């Protein structure tokens, strides 16, 4: 399943990205990547899969050295998660429900 990035259009999120999954003609926002400030004000890159369903047994977020590194780590985590068809089905259904409001 191909993932790609879409830039967040917000003046306070200059270097932030949403991770998009496209299935057929439908796009799903499945996570985010961007710089984050730590408690000691150090800037670090972070990534996270949207936790719209319980994912306790899997890593759903982490840190990387830059955008490219975060995308690679995100992709590896997403592939582990989505390789279980039940996980993917439940995740996409939760995203569809959220879109419908």
PDB file of N, CA and C in Angstrom:
ATOM      1  N   UNK A   1       0.839  -1.186   0.000  1.00  0.00           N
ATOM      2  CA  UNK A   1       0.000   0.000   0.000  1.00  0.00           C
ATOM      3  C   UNK A   1       0.875   1.238   0.000  1.00  0.00           C
ATOM      4  N   UNK A   2       0.750   2.047  -1.015  1.00  0.00           N
ATOM      5  CA  UNK A   2       1.604   3.238  -1.094  1.00  0.00           C
ATOM      6  C   UNK A   2       1.173   4.327  -0.099  1.00  0.00           C
ATOM      7  N   UNK A   3       2.152   4.874   0.574  1.00  0.00           N
ATOM      8  CA  UNK A   3       1.950   6.014   1.468  1.00  0.00           C
ATOM      9  C   UNK A   3       2.630   7.223   0.850  1.00  0.00           C
ATOM     10  N   UNK A   4       2.052   8.394   1.040  1.00  0.00           N
ATOM     11  CA  UNK A   4       2.741   9.604   0.606  1.00  0.00           C
ATOM     12  C   UNK A   4       2.444  10.719   1.596  1.00  0.00           C
ATOM     13  N   UNK A   5       3.182  11.805   1.465  1.00  0.00           N
ATOM     14  CA  UNK A   5       3.070  12.921   2.399  1.00  0.00           C
ATOM     15  C   UNK A   5       2.297  14.075   1.785  1.00  0.00           C
ATOM     16  N   UNK A   6       1.526  14.743   2.627  1.00  0.00           N
ATOM     17  CA  UNK A   6       0.831  15.975   2.243  1.00  0.00           C
ATOM     18  C   UNK A   6       1.195  17.035   3.279  1.00  0.00           C
ATOM     19  N   UNK A   7       1.688  18.160   2.803  1.00  0.00           N
ATOM     20  CA  UNK A   7       2.083  19.256   3.691  1.00  0.00           C
ATOM     21  C   UNK A   7       0.874  19.802   4.432  1.00  0.00           C
ATOM     22  N   UNK A   8       1.036  20.048   5.722  1.00  0.00           N
ATOM     23  CA  UNK A   8      -0.015  20.658   6.528  1.00  0.00           C
ATOM     24  C   UNK A   8      -0.056  22.143   6.188  1.00  0.00           C
ATOM     25  N   UNK A   9      -1.235  22.643   5.896  1.00  0.00           N
ATOM     26  CA  UNK A   9      -1.398  24.045   5.519  1.00  0.00           C
ATOM     27  C   UNK A   9      -1.829  24.844   6.753  1.00  0.00           C
ATOM     28  N   UNK A  10      -0.848  25.235   7.555  1.00  0.00           N
ATOM     29  CA  UNK A  10      -1.123  26.003   8.771  1.00  0.00           C
ATOM     30  C   UNK A  10       0.124  26.824   9.093  1.00  0.00           C
ATOM     31  N   UNK A  11      -0.024  28.102   9.428  1.00  0.00           N
ATOM     32  CA  UNK A  11       1.146  28.948   9.653  1.00  0.00           C
ATOM     33  C   UNK A  11       2.030  28.507  10.824  1.00  0.00           C
ATOM     34  N   UNK A  12       1.470  27.790  11.797  1.00  0.00           N
ATOM     35  CA  UNK A  12       2.284  27.329  12.934  1.00  0.00           C
ATOM     36  C   UNK A  12       2.834  25.921  12.722  1.00  0.00           C
ATOM     37  N   UNK A  13       2.510  25.302  11.610  1.00  0.00           N
ATOM     38  CA  UNK A  13       2.973  23.951  11.313  1.00  0.00           C
ATOM     39  C   UNK A  13       3.783  23.965  10.021  1.00  0.00           C
ATOM     40  N   UNK A  14       4.816  24.759  10.007  1.00  0.00           N
ATOM     41  CA  UNK A  14       5.582  24.998   8.783  1.00  0.00           C
ATOM     42  C   UNK A  14       6.206  23.730   8.206  1.00  0.00           C
ATOM     43  N   UNK A  15       6.701  22.840   9.061  1.00  0.00           N
ATOM     44  CA  UNK A  15       7.397  21.644   8.583  1.00  0.00           C
ATOM     45  C   UNK A  15       6.628  20.366   8.914  1.00  0.00           C
ATOM     46  N   UNK A  16       5.322  20.460   9.056  1.00  0.00           N
ATOM     47  CA  UNK A  16       4.526  19.296   9.431  1.00  0.00           C
ATOM     48  C   UNK A  16       3.845  18.681   8.213  1.00  0.00           C
ATOM     49  N   UNK A  17       3.682  17.369   8.276  1.00  0.00           N
ATOM     50  CA  UNK A  17       3.139  16.599   7.168  1.00  0.00           C
ATOM     51  C   UNK A  17       2.107  15.612   7.682  1.00  0.00           C
ATOM     52  N   UNK A  18       1.076  15.332   6.881  1.00  0.00           N
ATOM     53  CA  UNK A  18       0.146  14.235   7.144  1.00  0.00           C
ATOM     54  C   UNK A  18       0.552  13.092   6.225  1.00  0.00           C
ATOM     55  N   UNK A  19       0.481  11.869   6.737  1.00  0.00           N
ATOM     56  CA  UNK A  19       0.782  10.686   5.947  1.00  0.00           C
ATOM     57  C   UNK A  19      -0.540  10.190   5.367  1.00  0.00           C
ATOM     58  N   UNK A  20      -0.551  10.007   4.059  1.00  0.00           N
ATOM     59  CA  UNK A  20      -1.767   9.649   3.326  1.00  0.00           C
ATOM     60  C   UNK A  20      -1.625   8.249   2.736  1.00  0.00           C
ATOM     61  N   UNK A  21      -2.677   7.463   2.897  1.00  0.00           N
ATOM     62  CA  UNK A  21      -2.791   6.157   2.267  1.00  0.00           C
ATOM     63  C   UNK A  21      -3.873   6.272   1.211  1.00  0.00           C
ATOM     64  N   UNK A  22      -3.578   5.857   0.002  1.00  0.00           N
ATOM     65  CA  UNK A  22      -4.579   5.914  -1.070  1.00  0.00           C
ATOM     66  C   UNK A  22      -4.923   4.488  -1.483  1.00  0.00           C
ATOM     67  N   UNK A  23      -6.221   4.175  -1.368  1.00  0.00           N
ATOM     68  CA  UNK A  23      -6.727   2.874  -1.794  1.00  0.00           C
ATOM     69  C   UNK A  23      -7.795   3.154  -2.839  1.00  0.00           C
ATOM     70  N   UNK A  24      -7.594   2.619  -4.026  1.00  0.00           N
ATOM     71  CA  UNK A  24      -8.452   2.943  -5.164  1.00  0.00           C
ATOM     72  C   UNK A  24      -8.434   4.465  -5.328  1.00  0.00           C
ATOM     73  N   UNK A  25      -9.546   5.132  -5.223  1.00  0.00           N
ATOM     74  CA  UNK A  25      -9.572   6.594  -5.355  1.00  0.00           C
ATOM     75  C   UNK A  25      -9.808   7.293  -4.010  1.00  0.00           C
ATOM     76  N   UNK A  26      -9.784   6.534  -2.927  1.00  0.00           N
ATOM     77  CA  UNK A  26     -10.054   7.102  -1.616  1.00  0.00           C
ATOM     78  C   UNK A  26      -8.748   7.333  -0.865  1.00  0.00           C
ATOM     79  N   UNK A  27      -8.613   8.531  -0.292  1.00  0.00           N
ATOM     80  CA  UNK A  27      -7.431   8.873   0.504  1.00  0.00           C
ATOM     81  C   UNK A  27      -7.794   8.845   1.983  1.00  0.00           C
ATOM     82  N   UNK A  28      -6.894   8.294   2.783  1.00  0.00           N
ATOM     83  CA  UNK A  28      -7.063   8.242   4.232  1.00  0.00           C
ATOM     84  C   UNK A  28      -5.851   8.890   4.876  1.00  0.00           C
ATOM     85  N   UNK A  29      -6.061   9.817   5.783  1.00  0.00           N
ATOM     86  CA  UNK A  29      -4.965  10.349   6.590  1.00  0.00           C
ATOM     87  C   UNK A  29      -4.713   9.333   7.686  1.00  0.00           C
ATOM     88  N   UNK A  30      -3.516   8.762   7.698  1.00  0.00           N
ATOM     89  CA  UNK A  30      -3.232   7.681   8.647  1.00  0.00           C
ATOM     90  C   UNK A  30      -2.229   8.071   9.721  1.00  0.00           C
ATOM     91  N   UNK A  31      -1.618   9.250   9.606  1.00  0.00           N
ATOM     92  CA  UNK A  31      -0.651   9.659  10.618  1.00  0.00           C
ATOM     93  C   UNK A  31      -0.026  10.992  10.301  1.00  0.00           C
ATOM     94  N   UNK A  32       1.022  11.301  11.051  1.00  0.00           N
ATOM     95  CA  UNK A  32       1.685  12.596  10.876  1.00  0.00           C
ATOM     96  C   UNK A  32       3.177  12.478  11.149  1.00  0.00           C
ATOM     97  N   UNK A  33       3.897  13.432  10.583  1.00  0.00           N
ATOM     98  CA  UNK A  33       5.344  13.548  10.775  1.00  0.00           C
ATOM     99  C   UNK A  33       5.654  15.027  10.896  1.00  0.00           C
ATOM    100  N   UNK A  34       6.521  15.376  11.831  1.00  0.00           N
ATOM    101  CA  UNK A  34       6.914  16.772  11.961  1.00  0.00           C
ATOM    102  C   UNK A  34       7.856  16.997  13.124  1.00  0.00           C
ATOM    103  N   UNK A  35       8.440  18.185  13.176  1.00  0.00           N
ATOM    104  CA  UNK A  35       9.332  18.511  14.283  1.00  0.00           C
ATOM    105  C   UNK A  35       8.527  18.732  15.561  1.00  0.00           C
ATOM    106  N   UNK A  36       9.133  18.346  16.676  1.00  0.00           N
ATOM    107  CA  UNK A  36       8.499  18.501  17.983  1.00  0.00           C
ATOM    108  C   UNK A  36       9.534  19.042  18.946  1.00  0.00           C
ATOM    109  N   UNK A  37       9.081  19.856  19.871  1.00  0.00           N
ATOM    110  CA  UNK A  37       9.966  20.370  20.918  1.00  0.00           C
ATOM    111  C   UNK A  37       9.851  19.472  22.139  1.00  0.00           C
ATOM    112  N   UNK A  38      10.989  19.115  22.728  1.00  0.00           N
ATOM    113  CA  UNK A  38      10.989  18.309  23.942  1.00  0.00           C
ATOM    114  C   UNK A  38      10.910  19.229  25.151  1.00  0.00           C
ATOM    115  N   UNK A  39      10.839  18.639  26.318  1.00  0.00           N
ATOM    116  CA  UNK A  39      10.729  19.422  27.558  1.00  0.00           C
ATOM    117  C   UNK A  39      11.910  20.388  27.717  1.00  0.00           C
ATOM    118  N   UNK A  40      13.073  20.007  27.238  1.00  0.00           N
ATOM    119  CA  UNK A  40      14.234  20.906  27.330  1.00  0.00           C
ATOM    120  C   UNK A  40      14.379  21.774  26.084  1.00  0.00           C
ATOM    121  N   UNK A  41      13.323  21.940  25.327  1.00  0.00           N
ATOM    122  CA  UNK A  41      13.191  22.825  24.169  1.00  0.00           C
ATOM    123  C   UNK A  41      14.064  22.399  22.986  1.00  0.00           C
ATOM    124  N   UNK A  42      14.548  21.196  23.001  1.00  0.00           N
ATOM    125  CA  UNK A  42      15.307  20.676  21.874  1.00  0.00           C
ATOM    126  C   UNK A  42      14.333  20.292  20.762  1.00  0.00           C
ATOM    127  N   UNK A  43      14.679  20.612  19.530  1.00  0.00           N
ATOM    128  CA  UNK A  43      13.835  20.278  18.393  1.00  0.00           C
ATOM    129  C   UNK A  43      14.197  18.881  17.898  1.00  0.00           C
ATOM    130  N   UNK A  44      13.195  18.011  17.808  1.00  0.00           N
ATOM    131  CA  UNK A  44      13.391  16.661  17.302  1.00  0.00           C
ATOM    132  C   UNK A  44      12.282  16.346  16.313  1.00  0.00           C
ATOM    133  N   UNK A  45      12.555  15.447  15.397  1.00  0.00           N
ATOM    134  CA  UNK A  45      11.543  14.992  14.463  1.00  0.00           C
ATOM    135  C   UNK A  45      10.793  13.832  15.092  1.00  0.00           C
ATOM    136  N   UNK A  46       9.479  13.784  14.867  1.00  0.00           N
ATOM    137  CA  UNK A  46       8.665  12.697  15.390  1.00  0.00           C
ATOM    138  C   UNK A  46       7.668  12.218  14.355  1.00  0.00           C
ATOM    139  N   UNK A  47       7.182  11.018  14.550  1.00  0.00           N
ATOM    140  CA  UNK A  47       6.170  10.443  13.672  1.00  0.00           C
ATOM    141  C   UNK A  47       5.133   9.737  14.528  1.00  0.00           C
ATOM    142  N   UNK A  48       3.923   9.600  13.987  1.00  0.00           N
ATOM    143  CA  UNK A  48       2.887   8.890  14.715  1.00  0.00           C
ATOM    144  C   UNK A  48       1.773   8.408  13.809  1.00  0.00           C
ATOM    145  N   UNK A  49       1.330   7.183  14.044  1.00  0.00           N
ATOM    146  CA  UNK A  49       0.153   6.642  13.372  1.00  0.00           C
ATOM    147  C   UNK A  49      -1.056   7.119  14.166  1.00  0.00           C
ATOM    148  N   UNK A  50      -2.094   7.572  13.478  1.00  0.00           N
ATOM    149  CA  UNK A  50      -3.324   7.977  14.162  1.00  0.00           C
ATOM    150  C   UNK A  50      -3.866   6.769  14.933  1.00  0.00           C
ATOM    151  N   UNK A  51      -4.157   6.952  16.199  1.00  0.00           N
ATOM    152  CA  UNK A  51      -4.630   5.840  17.020  1.00  0.00           C
ATOM    153  C   UNK A  51      -6.155   5.885  17.121  1.00  0.00           C
ATOM    154  N   UNK A  52      -6.803   5.559  16.015  1.00  0.00           N
ATOM    155  CA  UNK A  52      -8.262   5.566  15.968  1.00  0.00           C
ATOM    156  C   UNK A  52      -8.848   4.248  16.463  1.00  0.00           C
ATOM    157  N   UNK A  53      -7.994   3.237  16.628  1.00  0.00           N
ATOM    158  CA  UNK A  53      -8.384   1.970  17.245  1.00  0.00           C
ATOM    159  C   UNK A  53      -7.269   1.605  18.224  1.00  0.00           C
ATOM    160  N   UNK A  54      -7.526   0.752  19.204  1.00  0.00           N
ATOM    161  CA  UNK A  54      -6.466   0.351  20.140  1.00  0.00           C
ATOM    162  C   UNK A  54      -5.325  -0.369  19.423  1.00  0.00           C
ATOM    163  N   UNK A  55      -4.101   0.062  19.690  1.00  0.00           N
ATOM    164  CA  UNK A  55      -2.926  -0.550  19.065  1.00  0.00           C
ATOM    165  C   UNK A  55      -1.846  -0.768  20.121  1.00  0.00           C
ATOM    166  N   UNK A  56      -2.195  -1.318  21.252  1.00  0.00           N
ATOM    167  CA  UNK A  56      -1.267  -1.454  22.375  1.00  0.00           C
ATOM    168  C   UNK A  56      -0.053  -2.320  22.069  1.00  0.00           C
ATOM    169  N   UNK A  57      -0.231  -3.320  21.246  1.00  0.00           N
ATOM    170  CA  UNK A  57       0.859  -4.265  20.989  1.00  0.00           C
ATOM    171  C   UNK A  57       1.857  -3.761  19.954  1.00  0.00           C
ATOM    172  N   UNK A  58       1.624  -2.583  19.388  1.00  0.00           N
ATOM    173  CA  UNK A  58       2.483  -2.088  18.313  1.00  0.00           C
ATOM    174  C   UNK A  58       2.994  -0.686  18.614  1.00  0.00           C
ATOM    175  N   UNK A  59       4.170  -0.397  18.095  1.00  0.00           N
ATOM    176  CA  UNK A  59       4.693   0.971  18.190  1.00  0.00           C
ATOM    177  C   UNK A  59       3.881   1.844  17.250  1.00  0.00           C
ATOM    178  N   UNK A  60       3.314   2.921  17.787  1.00  0.00           N
ATOM    179  CA  UNK A  60       2.504   3.812  16.964  1.00  0.00           C
ATOM    180  C   UNK A  60       3.139   5.183  16.822  1.00  0.00           C
ATOM    181  N   UNK A  61       4.282   5.393  17.456  1.00  0.00           N
ATOM    182  CA  UNK A  61       4.960   6.688  17.333  1.00  0.00           C
ATOM    183  C   UNK A  61       6.425   6.514  17.672  1.00  0.00           C
ATOM    184  N   UNK A  62       7.202   7.523  17.280  1.00  0.00           N
ATOM    185  CA  UNK A  62       8.622   7.469  17.572  1.00  0.00           C
ATOM    186  C   UNK A  62       9.327   8.716  17.094  1.00  0.00           C
ATOM    187  N   UNK A  63      10.618   8.685  17.157  1.00  0.00           N
ATOM    188  CA  UNK A  63      11.453   9.818  16.757  1.00  0.00           C
ATOM    189  C   UNK A  63      12.380   9.392  15.626  1.00  0.00           C
ATOM    190  N   UNK A  64      12.811  10.393  14.867  1.00  0.00           N
ATOM    191  CA  UNK A  64      13.763  10.163  13.788  1.00  0.00           C
ATOM    192  C   UNK A  64      14.680  11.363  13.661  1.00  0.00           C
ATOM    193  N   UNK A  65      15.693  11.235  12.840  1.00  0.00           N
ATOM    194  CA  UNK A  65      16.675  12.313  12.705  1.00  0.00           C
ATOM    195  C   UNK A  65      16.224  13.407  11.735  1.00  0.00           C
ATOM    196  N   UNK A  66      15.295  13.070  10.833  1.00  0.00           N
ATOM    197  CA  UNK A  66      14.803  14.045   9.860  1.00  0.00           C
ATOM    198  C   UNK A  66      13.530  13.491   9.211  1.00  0.00           C
ATOM    199  N   UNK A  67      12.987  14.200   8.252  1.00  0.00           N
ATOM    200  CA  UNK A  67      11.755  13.782   7.594  1.00  0.00           C
ATOM    201  C   UNK A  67      11.908  12.411   6.936  1.00  0.00           C
ATOM    202  N   UNK A  68      12.982  12.207   6.216  1.00  0.00           N
ATOM    203  CA  UNK A  68      13.198  10.943   5.508  1.00  0.00           C
ATOM    204  C   UNK A  68      13.287   9.769   6.480  1.00  0.00           C
ATOM    205  N   UNK A  69      14.019   9.949   7.570  1.00  0.00           N
ATOM    206  CA  UNK A  69      14.160   8.906   8.575  1.00  0.00           C
ATOM    207  C   UNK A  69      12.813   8.594   9.230  1.00  0.00           C
ATOM    208  N   UNK A  70      12.041   9.641   9.548  1.00  0.00           N
ATOM    209  CA  UNK A  70      10.716   9.440  10.138  1.00  0.00           C
ATOM    210  C   UNK A  70       9.790   8.706   9.175  1.00  0.00           C
ATOM    211  N   UNK A  71       9.846   9.039   7.905  1.00  0.00           N
ATOM    212  CA  UNK A  71       8.985   8.371   6.935  1.00  0.00           C
ATOM    213  C   UNK A  71       9.336   6.889   6.849  1.00  0.00           C
ATOM    214  N   UNK A  72      10.608   6.560   6.872  1.00  0.00           N
ATOM    215  CA  UNK A  72      11.022   5.149   6.824  1.00  0.00           C
ATOM    216  C   UNK A  72      10.521   4.406   8.069  1.00  0.00           C
ATOM    217  N   UNK A  73      10.635   5.030   9.228  1.00  0.00           N
ATOM    218  CA  UNK A  73      10.176   4.398  10.464  1.00  0.00           C
ATOM    219  C   UNK A  73       8.654   4.289  10.490  1.00  0.00           C
ATOM    220  N   UNK A  74       7.971   5.324  10.026  1.00  0.00           N
ATOM    221  CA  UNK A  74       6.515   5.284   9.937  1.00  0.00           C
ATOM    222  C   UNK A  74       6.089   4.131   9.028  1.00  0.00           C
ATOM    223  N   UNK A  75       6.707   4.052   7.862  1.00  0.00           N
ATOM    224  CA  UNK A  75       6.333   3.030   6.886  1.00  0.00           C
ATOM    225  C   UNK A  75       6.527   1.629   7.452  1.00  0.00           C
ATOM    226  N   UNK A  76       7.635   1.402   8.149  1.00  0.00           N
ATOM    227  CA  UNK A  76       7.887   0.084   8.740  1.00  0.00           C
ATOM    228  C   UNK A  76       6.815  -0.246   9.786  1.00  0.00           C
ATOM    229  N   UNK A  77       6.472   0.719  10.631  1.00  0.00           N
ATOM    230  CA  UNK A  77       5.443   0.495  11.649  1.00  0.00           C
ATOM    231  C   UNK A  77       4.085   0.265  10.993  1.00  0.00           C
ATOM    232  N   UNK A  78       3.763   1.054   9.970  1.00  0.00           N
ATOM    233  CA  UNK A  78       2.491   0.900   9.269  1.00  0.00           C
ATOM    234  C   UNK A  78       2.392  -0.473   8.613  1.00  0.00           C
ATOM    235  N   UNK A  79       3.470  -0.924   7.989  1.00  0.00           N
ATOM    236  CA  UNK A  79       3.459  -2.237   7.330  1.00  0.00           C
ATOM    237  C   UNK A  79       3.244  -3.361   8.340  1.00  0.00           C
ATOM    238  N   UNK A  80       3.871  -3.265   9.531  1.00  0.00           N
ATOM    239  CA  UNK A  80       3.645  -4.265  10.574  1.00  0.00           C
ATOM    240  C   UNK A  80       2.173  -4.261  10.992  1.00  0.00           C
ATOM    241  N   UNK A  81       1.635  -3.063  11.228  1.00  0.00           N
ATOM    242  CA  UNK A  81       0.253  -2.928  11.672  1.00  0.00           C
ATOM    243  C   UNK A  81      -0.733  -3.406  10.610  1.00  0.00           C
ATOM    244  N   UNK A  82      -0.580  -2.929   9.386  1.00  0.00           N
ATOM    245  CA  UNK A  82      -1.565  -3.201   8.337  1.00  0.00           C
ATOM    246  C   UNK A  82      -1.424  -4.593   7.724  1.00  0.00           C
ATOM    247  N   UNK A  83      -0.367  -5.323   8.054  1.00  0.00           N
ATOM    248  CA  UNK A  83      -0.227  -6.683   7.529  1.00  0.00           C
ATOM    249  C   UNK A  83      -1.289  -7.613   8.121  1.00  0.00           C
ATOM    250  N   UNK A  84      -1.865  -7.215   9.256  1.00  0.00           N
ATOM    251  CA  UNK A  84      -2.988  -7.955   9.834  1.00  0.00           C
ATOM    252  C   UNK A  84      -4.264  -7.353   9.256  1.00  0.00           C
ATOM    253  N   UNK A  85      -4.935  -8.113   8.408  1.00  0.00           N
ATOM    254  CA  UNK A  85      -6.116  -7.591   7.701  1.00  0.00           C
ATOM    255  C   UNK A  85      -7.189  -7.071   8.656  1.00  0.00           C
ATOM    256  N   UNK A  86      -7.342  -7.703   9.815  1.00  0.00           N
ATOM    257  CA  UNK A  86      -8.344  -7.245  10.787  1.00  0.00           C
ATOM    258  C   UNK A  86      -7.995  -5.853  11.302  1.00  0.00           C
ATOM    259  N   UNK A  87      -6.709  -5.604  11.557  1.00  0.00           N
ATOM    260  CA  UNK A  87      -6.278  -4.269  11.986  1.00  0.00           C
ATOM    261  C   UNK A  87      -6.605  -3.232  10.928  1.00  0.00           C
ATOM    262  N   UNK A  88      -6.225  -3.521   9.698  1.00  0.00           N
ATOM    263  CA  UNK A  88      -6.433  -2.562   8.613  1.00  0.00           C
ATOM    264  C   UNK A  88      -7.920  -2.286   8.404  1.00  0.00           C
ATOM    265  N   UNK A  89      -8.727  -3.325   8.407  1.00  0.00           N
ATOM    266  CA  UNK A  89     -10.166  -3.159   8.215  1.00  0.00           C
ATOM    267  C   UNK A  89     -10.770  -2.285   9.312  1.00  0.00           C
ATOM    268  N   UNK A  90     -10.427  -2.568  10.580  1.00  0.00           N
ATOM    269  CA  UNK A  90     -10.960  -1.784  11.696  1.00  0.00           C
ATOM    270  C   UNK A  90     -10.482  -0.341  11.629  1.00  0.00           C
ATOM    271  N   UNK A  91      -9.224  -0.129  11.277  1.00  0.00           N
ATOM    272  CA  UNK A  91      -8.657   1.215  11.178  1.00  0.00           C
ATOM    273  C   UNK A  91      -9.377   2.028  10.110  1.00  0.00           C
ATOM    274  N   UNK A  92      -9.517   1.455   8.921  1.00  0.00           N
ATOM    275  CA  UNK A  92     -10.156   2.176   7.813  1.00  0.00           C
ATOM    276  C   UNK A  92     -11.631   2.436   8.099  1.00  0.00           C
ATOM    277  N   UNK A  93     -12.304   1.502   8.759  1.00  0.00           N
ATOM    278  CA  UNK A  93     -13.713   1.728   9.108  1.00  0.00           C
ATOM    279  C   UNK A  93     -13.834   2.872  10.111  1.00  0.00           C
ATOM    280  N   UNK A  94     -12.929   2.952  11.074  1.00  0.00           N
ATOM    281  CA  UNK A  94     -12.939   4.070  12.034  1.00  0.00           C
ATOM    282  C   UNK A  94     -12.701   5.384  11.316  1.00  0.00           C
ATOM    283  N   UNK A  95     -11.820   5.410  10.342  1.00  0.00           N
ATOM    284  CA  UNK A  95     -11.555   6.625   9.569  1.00  0.00           C
ATOM    285  C   UNK A  95     -12.789   7.005   8.749  1.00  0.00           C
ATOM    286  N   UNK A  96     -13.463   6.021   8.164  1.00  0.00           N
ATOM    287  CA  UNK A  96     -14.678   6.314   7.397  1.00  0.00           C
ATOM    288  C   UNK A  96     -15.777   6.903   8.289  1.00  0.00           C
ATOM    289  N   UNK A  97     -15.948   6.317   9.479  1.00  0.00           N
ATOM    290  CA  UNK A  97     -16.948   6.836  10.427  1.00  0.00           C
ATOM    291  C   UNK A  97     -16.621   8.274  10.816  1.00  0.00           C
ATOM    292  N   UNK A  98     -15.347   8.564  11.046  1.00  0.00           N
ATOM    293  CA  UNK A  98     -14.943   9.916  11.432  1.00  0.00           C
ATOM    294  C   UNK A  98     -15.231  10.912  10.311  1.00  0.00           C
ATOM    295  N   UNK A  99     -15.043  10.515   9.062  1.00  0.00           N
ATOM    296  CA  UNK A  99     -15.316  11.387   7.921  1.00  0.00           C
ATOM    297  C   UNK A  99     -16.806  11.702   7.800  1.00  0.00           C
ATOM    298  N   UNK A 100     -17.627  10.696   8.073  1.00  0.00           N
ATOM    299  CA  UNK A 100     -19.077  10.882   7.972  1.00  0.00           C
ATOM    300  C   UNK A 100     -19.599  11.784   9.084  1.00  0.00           C
ATOM    301  N   UNK A 101     -18.839  11.857  10.163  1.00  0.00           N
ATOM    302  CA  UNK A 101     -19.211  12.746  11.266  1.00  0.00           C
ATOM    303  C   UNK A 101     -20.187  12.149  12.134  1.00  0.00           C
TER     304      UNK A 101
END
